[in-house]
Protein backbone atom coordinates (compact mmCIF):
# COMPACT_ATOMS: atom_id res chain seq x y z
CA MET A 1 -156.32 -181.62 7.81
CA GLU A 2 -158.94 -183.94 9.28
CA LYS A 3 -159.34 -184.68 12.90
CA GLY A 4 -157.45 -187.72 14.03
CA GLN A 5 -155.02 -187.62 10.91
CA LYS A 6 -151.46 -188.27 11.68
CA VAL A 7 -148.80 -186.02 10.07
CA GLU A 8 -145.18 -186.85 10.44
CA VAL A 9 -142.95 -184.01 11.42
CA GLY A 10 -140.93 -182.61 8.58
CA GLU A 11 -143.24 -184.15 5.89
CA HIS A 12 -145.19 -181.05 5.13
CA LYS A 13 -145.53 -177.32 5.80
CA PHE A 14 -148.57 -175.14 6.16
CA CYS A 15 -149.47 -171.78 4.37
CA PRO A 16 -149.25 -168.94 7.13
CA VAL A 17 -152.17 -167.04 5.18
CA CYS A 18 -154.59 -169.53 4.59
CA GLY A 19 -153.36 -172.89 6.19
CA THR A 20 -153.20 -175.01 3.32
CA LYS A 21 -150.94 -178.23 3.67
CA LEU A 22 -148.20 -178.14 1.11
CA LYS A 23 -145.08 -180.22 0.26
CA LEU A 24 -141.79 -178.98 1.74
CA THR A 25 -140.54 -178.36 -1.73
CA ASP A 26 -143.22 -175.92 -2.81
CA THR A 27 -142.33 -172.09 -3.09
CA PHE A 28 -145.80 -170.89 -3.59
CA CYS A 29 -149.26 -171.95 -2.03
CA VAL A 30 -151.36 -173.43 -4.42
CA ARG A 31 -154.42 -172.12 -2.82
CA CYS A 32 -153.81 -168.36 -2.49
CA GLY A 33 -150.46 -168.02 -4.03
CA TYR A 34 -148.28 -166.81 -1.17
CA SER A 35 -144.63 -166.83 -1.73
CA PHE A 36 -142.36 -168.50 0.71
CA ALA A 37 -139.28 -167.07 -1.18
CA VAL A 38 -140.30 -163.65 -0.45
CA ARG A 39 -140.49 -164.70 3.16
CA ALA A 40 -137.23 -166.22 3.02
CA GLU A 41 -135.79 -163.11 1.41
CA LYS A 42 -137.23 -160.83 4.19
CA ASN A 43 -135.80 -163.05 6.82
CA LYS A 44 -132.16 -163.05 4.92
CA LYS A 45 -132.39 -159.00 4.88
CA LYS A 46 -133.22 -158.88 8.84
CA LYS A 47 -130.10 -161.10 9.38
CA VAL A 48 -127.87 -158.69 7.24
CA LYS A 49 -129.12 -155.69 9.00
CA LEU A 50 -128.49 -156.94 12.50
CA ARG A 51 -124.96 -158.11 11.49
CA ASN A 52 -124.17 -154.59 9.82
CA ALA A 53 -125.38 -153.01 12.98
CA LEU A 54 -123.14 -155.32 15.15
CA ILE A 55 -120.23 -154.56 12.87
CA ILE A 56 -120.87 -150.77 13.21
CA ILE A 57 -121.04 -151.06 17.07
CA VAL A 58 -117.90 -152.98 17.27
CA ILE A 59 -116.13 -150.39 15.08
CA LEU A 60 -117.19 -147.60 17.25
CA ALA A 61 -116.25 -149.26 20.50
CA ILE A 62 -112.79 -149.72 18.82
CA MET A 63 -112.61 -146.39 17.92
CA TYR A 64 -113.54 -144.89 21.44
CA PHE A 65 -111.07 -146.93 23.04
CA GLY A 66 -108.44 -146.11 20.63
CA LEU A 67 -109.04 -142.37 21.41
CA ARG A 68 -108.58 -143.06 24.91
CA TYR A 69 -105.26 -144.82 24.74
CA ALA A 70 -104.21 -142.35 22.16
CA ASN A 71 -104.87 -139.40 24.64
CA GLY A 72 -103.13 -141.41 27.38
CA GLN A 73 -106.29 -141.91 29.60
CA THR A 74 -107.19 -145.04 31.17
CA LEU A 75 -108.96 -147.52 29.07
CA PHE A 76 -112.09 -147.36 31.09
CA PRO A 77 -113.13 -144.05 32.44
CA ARG A 78 -113.87 -143.43 36.09
CA SER A 79 -116.78 -141.03 35.50
CA LEU A 80 -119.41 -140.13 33.03
CA ALA A 81 -117.41 -136.85 32.76
CA ASP A 82 -114.19 -138.61 31.83
CA ALA A 83 -115.76 -140.66 29.04
CA VAL A 84 -117.52 -137.56 27.74
CA ARG A 85 -114.04 -135.86 27.61
CA THR A 86 -112.57 -138.55 25.50
CA ILE A 87 -115.03 -137.31 22.65
CA TRP A 88 -115.22 -133.62 23.32
CA PRO A 89 -111.85 -132.59 24.98
CA ASN A 90 -111.88 -129.38 26.89
């Protein structure tokens, strides 16, 4: 891109490897061959991993509070020792 040349926002994208100006519809860089499809797939996998981690955390929390309720304990422990007794009773 030459100095002083105007570029409208959203009109083009640039290759993150070599900096070549590309059309928004291009899936590969014409200069270095960088694949934008691979980049999109990696971002999608990261989102799926985050979602799965959040689901596991929610399930574990539900199980923990379910155990406390089933054992007749208060839902929120008064101390760390009380919290541990939920998982490993004496």
